[in-house]
Amino acid sequence: MEVHQRAVRKLSKLDKDIELTIKKYGMPNDRITKGGFDTLLRMIVGQQISVKAANSVWNKIVNIKANDPKTILVLSDQKLKEVGLSRQKISYGRDLAYKIKSGLLDLDNLINLSNQEAHKQLTQVKGIGDWTADIYQLFVLGDMDAFPQADLAIQEGAKRFFRLNERPSPSNLLKLVEKWRPLRGAGALVMWQIYRMEVHEGSKLN
């Protein structure tokens, strides 16, 4: 059992409703992934465009090796536009590359920082907001208190889990899950599991 599933099991022992949800929908998959510049750049590339479009742009980026911080800093704007990057995302990608190359952002050291400090380090980069930072912390750093409260799927899962009439706002959702600290990330995985099963599998939470 990996880090995510261990945390979910631990949370289920503290919250009976989490335990019941796991029994009904199953354990969320463990999704720890490799981090680094290309992981964050891939997340930036995917902002505000479809998955299909993001995959297409990303493949072109990889083909010209712009998923390397050294390369993206020396390629021309025109070359980067040709692979589908907007002017704004070119700026974001270069800011990320510069901060990594200059040492202003040490991705390898993030795991040694507190939740708040790692979040602060990530969000100093142009184009990396709270959601992107939380996702990186949860799925790369294995920070099991990272909670992407602005994620619509999590909100929709929480609506069902807490039996609300509408999706909770990010601020209200944080209040609802405060009791899960320091395992809010495990709760996020369960909310995603509810969303996946409700929306894509057609199940109903009784």
Protein backbone atom coordinates (compact mmCIF):
# COMPACT_ATOMS: atom_id res chain seq x y z
CA MET A 1 0.00 0.00 0.00
CA GLU A 2 1.49 3.33 -1.05
CA VAL A 3 1.49 6.76 0.58
CA HIS A 4 -1.94 7.90 -0.66
CA GLN A 5 -3.75 4.71 0.26
CA ARG A 6 -2.07 4.55 3.66
CA ALA A 7 -3.31 8.05 4.38
CA VAL A 8 -6.85 7.24 3.20
CA ARG A 9 -6.92 4.18 5.45
CA LYS A 10 -5.75 6.30 8.37
CA LEU A 11 -8.42 8.92 7.71
CA SER A 12 -11.10 6.23 7.42
CA LYS A 13 -10.32 5.19 10.99
CA LEU A 14 -10.98 8.74 12.13
CA ASP A 15 -14.09 9.41 10.05
CA LYS A 16 -16.79 6.74 9.80
CA ASP A 17 -18.31 8.33 6.70
CA ILE A 18 -14.99 8.08 4.89
CA GLU A 19 -14.85 4.40 5.83
CA LEU A 20 -18.35 3.81 4.50
CA THR A 21 -17.56 5.66 1.27
CA ILE A 22 -14.49 3.50 0.67
CA LYS A 23 -16.55 0.36 1.23
CA LYS A 24 -19.09 1.54 -1.34
CA TYR A 25 -16.81 3.02 -4.00
CA GLY A 26 -13.48 1.35 -3.36
CA MET A 27 -10.08 2.70 -2.47
CA PRO A 28 -8.77 5.60 -4.57
CA ASN A 29 -5.77 4.76 -6.72
CA ASP A 30 -2.35 5.72 -5.46
CA ARG A 31 -1.11 8.42 -7.81
CA ILE A 32 2.30 9.62 -6.65
CA THR A 33 4.09 10.87 -9.74
CA LYS A 34 7.49 12.18 -10.75
CA GLY A 35 8.02 15.90 -10.30
CA GLY A 36 10.30 18.48 -11.84
CA PHE A 37 10.26 21.30 -14.36
CA ASP A 38 8.48 19.33 -17.07
CA THR A 39 5.70 18.27 -14.68
CA LEU A 40 4.96 21.86 -13.67
CA LEU A 41 5.28 23.11 -17.24
CA ARG A 42 2.84 20.41 -18.36
CA MET A 43 0.36 21.65 -15.78
CA ILE A 44 0.77 25.23 -16.99
CA VAL A 45 0.30 24.14 -20.61
CA GLY A 46 -2.99 22.47 -19.71
CA GLN A 47 -4.53 25.56 -18.13
CA GLN A 48 -7.80 26.71 -19.73
CA ILE A 49 -7.61 24.37 -22.74
CA SER A 50 -9.01 20.90 -23.40
CA VAL A 51 -7.09 17.76 -22.52
CA LYS A 52 -6.82 16.91 -26.22
CA ALA A 53 -5.41 20.32 -27.09
CA ALA A 54 -3.02 20.24 -24.14
CA ASN A 55 -1.69 16.82 -25.17
CA SER A 56 -1.13 18.06 -28.72
CA VAL A 57 0.77 21.15 -27.57
CA TRP A 58 2.78 19.13 -25.08
CA ASN A 59 3.91 16.62 -27.70
CA LYS A 60 5.18 19.50 -29.84
CA ILE A 61 6.97 21.00 -26.85
CA VAL A 62 8.73 17.72 -26.16
CA ASN A 63 9.70 17.41 -29.84
CA ILE A 64 11.64 20.68 -29.68
CA LYS A 65 12.95 19.85 -26.19
CA ALA A 66 11.29 22.91 -24.66
CA ASN A 67 10.38 20.78 -21.64
CA ASP A 68 13.93 21.48 -20.43
CA PRO A 69 14.54 24.74 -18.54
CA LYS A 70 17.75 25.53 -20.42
CA THR A 71 16.06 25.10 -23.79
CA ILE A 72 12.91 27.11 -23.13
CA LEU A 73 15.04 30.06 -22.02
CA VAL A 74 16.93 30.23 -25.33
CA LEU A 75 14.20 29.38 -27.84
CA SER A 76 12.59 32.36 -29.57
CA ASP A 77 9.06 33.49 -28.87
CA GLN A 78 8.16 32.63 -32.44
CA LYS A 79 9.40 29.05 -32.07
CA LEU A 80 7.39 28.59 -28.90
CA LYS A 81 4.29 30.14 -30.46
CA GLU A 82 4.59 27.71 -33.36
CA VAL A 83 4.11 24.76 -31.02
CA GLY A 84 0.96 26.31 -29.58
CA LEU A 85 2.06 28.28 -26.54
CA SER A 86 0.36 31.62 -25.96
CA ARG A 87 2.42 34.69 -25.11
CA GLN A 88 1.22 34.39 -21.52
CA LYS A 89 2.22 30.74 -21.18
CA ILE A 90 5.61 31.46 -22.75
CA SER A 91 6.09 34.02 -19.99
CA TYR A 92 4.99 31.51 -17.35
CA GLY A 93 7.25 28.76 -18.68
CA ARG A 94 10.28 31.03 -18.80
CA ASP A 95 9.62 32.38 -15.32
CA LEU A 96 9.49 28.82 -14.01
CA ALA A 97 12.70 27.93 -15.85
CA TYR A 98 14.49 31.06 -14.64
CA LYS A 99 13.52 30.52 -11.00
CA ILE A 100 14.72 26.91 -11.15
CA LYS A 101 17.98 27.76 -12.92
CA SER A 102 18.70 30.68 -10.59
CA GLY A 103 17.98 28.67 -7.46
CA LEU A 104 15.02 30.78 -6.43
CA LEU A 105 12.93 27.61 -6.63
CA ASP A 106 14.55 24.39 -5.46
CA LEU A 107 12.10 21.66 -6.40
CA ASP A 108 14.17 18.94 -4.75
CA ASN A 109 14.03 20.74 -1.43
CA LEU A 110 10.26 21.28 -1.38
CA ILE A 111 9.69 17.95 0.31
CA ASN A 112 11.71 19.19 3.30
CA LEU A 113 9.51 22.27 3.78
CA SER A 114 6.25 22.71 5.65
CA ASN A 115 2.99 22.58 3.73
CA GLN A 116 2.67 26.37 3.85
CA GLU A 117 6.27 27.10 2.89
CA ALA A 118 6.26 24.67 -0.04
CA HIS A 119 3.02 26.24 -1.23
CA LYS A 120 4.55 29.71 -0.98
CA GLN A 121 7.61 28.62 -2.94
CA LEU A 122 5.52 27.18 -5.77
CA THR A 123 3.10 30.08 -6.04
CA GLN A 124 5.93 32.60 -6.42
CA VAL A 125 6.13 31.38 -10.03
CA LYS A 126 3.99 33.18 -12.62
CA GLY A 127 1.14 30.93 -13.71
CA ILE A 128 1.27 28.66 -10.66
CA GLY A 129 -1.73 29.38 -8.46
CA ASP A 130 -3.15 27.62 -5.44
CA TRP A 131 -4.70 24.75 -7.41
CA THR A 132 -1.51 23.90 -9.31
CA ALA A 133 0.57 24.13 -6.15
CA ASP A 134 -1.84 21.92 -4.20
CA ILE A 135 -1.89 19.30 -6.96
CA TYR A 136 1.91 19.24 -7.12
CA GLN A 137 2.17 18.98 -3.35
CA LEU A 138 -0.36 16.15 -3.18
CA PHE A 139 0.71 14.04 -6.14
CA VAL A 140 4.44 14.74 -6.33
CA LEU A 141 5.49 15.59 -2.77
CA GLY A 142 3.00 13.25 -1.14
CA ASP A 143 1.82 16.06 1.14
CA MET A 144 -1.30 14.51 2.59
CA ASP A 145 -2.61 17.80 3.95
CA ALA A 146 -2.62 19.55 0.56
CA PHE A 147 -6.23 20.21 -0.39
CA PRO A 148 -7.21 21.73 -3.78
CA GLN A 149 -10.37 23.42 -2.52
CA ALA A 150 -11.04 25.18 -5.84
CA ASP A 151 -11.20 21.90 -7.77
CA LEU A 152 -14.73 21.50 -9.15
CA ALA A 153 -14.63 17.70 -9.01
CA ILE A 154 -13.65 17.80 -5.34
CA GLN A 155 -16.44 20.29 -4.68
CA GLU A 156 -18.94 18.07 -6.47
CA GLY A 157 -17.76 15.03 -4.53
CA ALA A 158 -18.00 17.00 -1.30
CA LYS A 159 -21.53 18.07 -2.18
CA ARG A 160 -22.53 14.42 -2.24
CA PHE A 161 -20.39 13.36 0.72
CA PHE A 162 -21.70 16.09 3.01
CA ARG A 163 -25.20 15.87 1.45
CA LEU A 164 -25.36 19.53 0.49
CA ASN A 165 -27.86 21.17 -1.86
CA GLU A 166 -25.12 22.77 -3.96
CA ARG A 167 -21.38 22.66 -4.43
CA PRO A 168 -19.61 24.33 -1.49
CA SER A 169 -17.48 27.39 -2.15
CA PRO A 170 -13.73 26.95 -1.65
CA SER A 171 -13.85 28.79 1.67
CA ASN A 172 -16.83 26.79 2.96
CA LEU A 173 -15.24 23.56 1.79
CA LEU A 174 -12.11 24.33 3.81
CA LYS A 175 -14.27 24.75 6.90
CA LEU A 176 -15.98 21.40 6.27
CA VAL A 177 -12.70 19.50 5.94
CA GLU A 178 -10.82 21.26 8.74
CA LYS A 179 -11.53 18.23 10.94
CA TRP A 180 -9.44 16.07 8.58
CA ARG A 181 -6.16 17.88 9.24
CA PRO A 182 -3.41 16.76 8.69
CA LEU A 183 -5.00 14.33 6.23
CA ARG A 184 -7.08 16.67 4.09
CA GLY A 185 -5.30 15.39 0.98
CA ALA A 186 -6.57 11.90 1.74
CA GLY A 187 -10.05 13.37 1.96
CA ALA A 188 -9.54 15.04 -1.42
CA LEU A 189 -8.75 11.65 -2.94
CA VAL A 190 -12.00 10.26 -1.55
CA MET A 191 -13.97 13.24 -2.90
CA TRP A 192 -12.46 12.60 -6.35
CA GLN A 193 -13.40 8.93 -6.02
CA ILE A 194 -17.02 9.87 -5.29
CA TYR A 195 -17.05 12.23 -8.26
CA ARG A 196 -15.55 9.63 -10.57
CA MET A 197 -18.06 6.97 -9.57
CA GLU A 198 -21.08 9.28 -9.52
CA VAL A 199 -20.38 11.00 -12.83
CA HIS A 200 -18.60 8.36 -14.86
CA GLU A 201 -19.93 5.12 -13.38
CA GLY A 202 -23.48 6.25 -12.67
CA SER A 203 -23.56 5.07 -9.07
CA LYS A 204 -25.49 6.81 -6.33
CA LEU A 205 -24.35 7.54 -2.82
CA ASN A 206 -27.05 6.22 -0.50
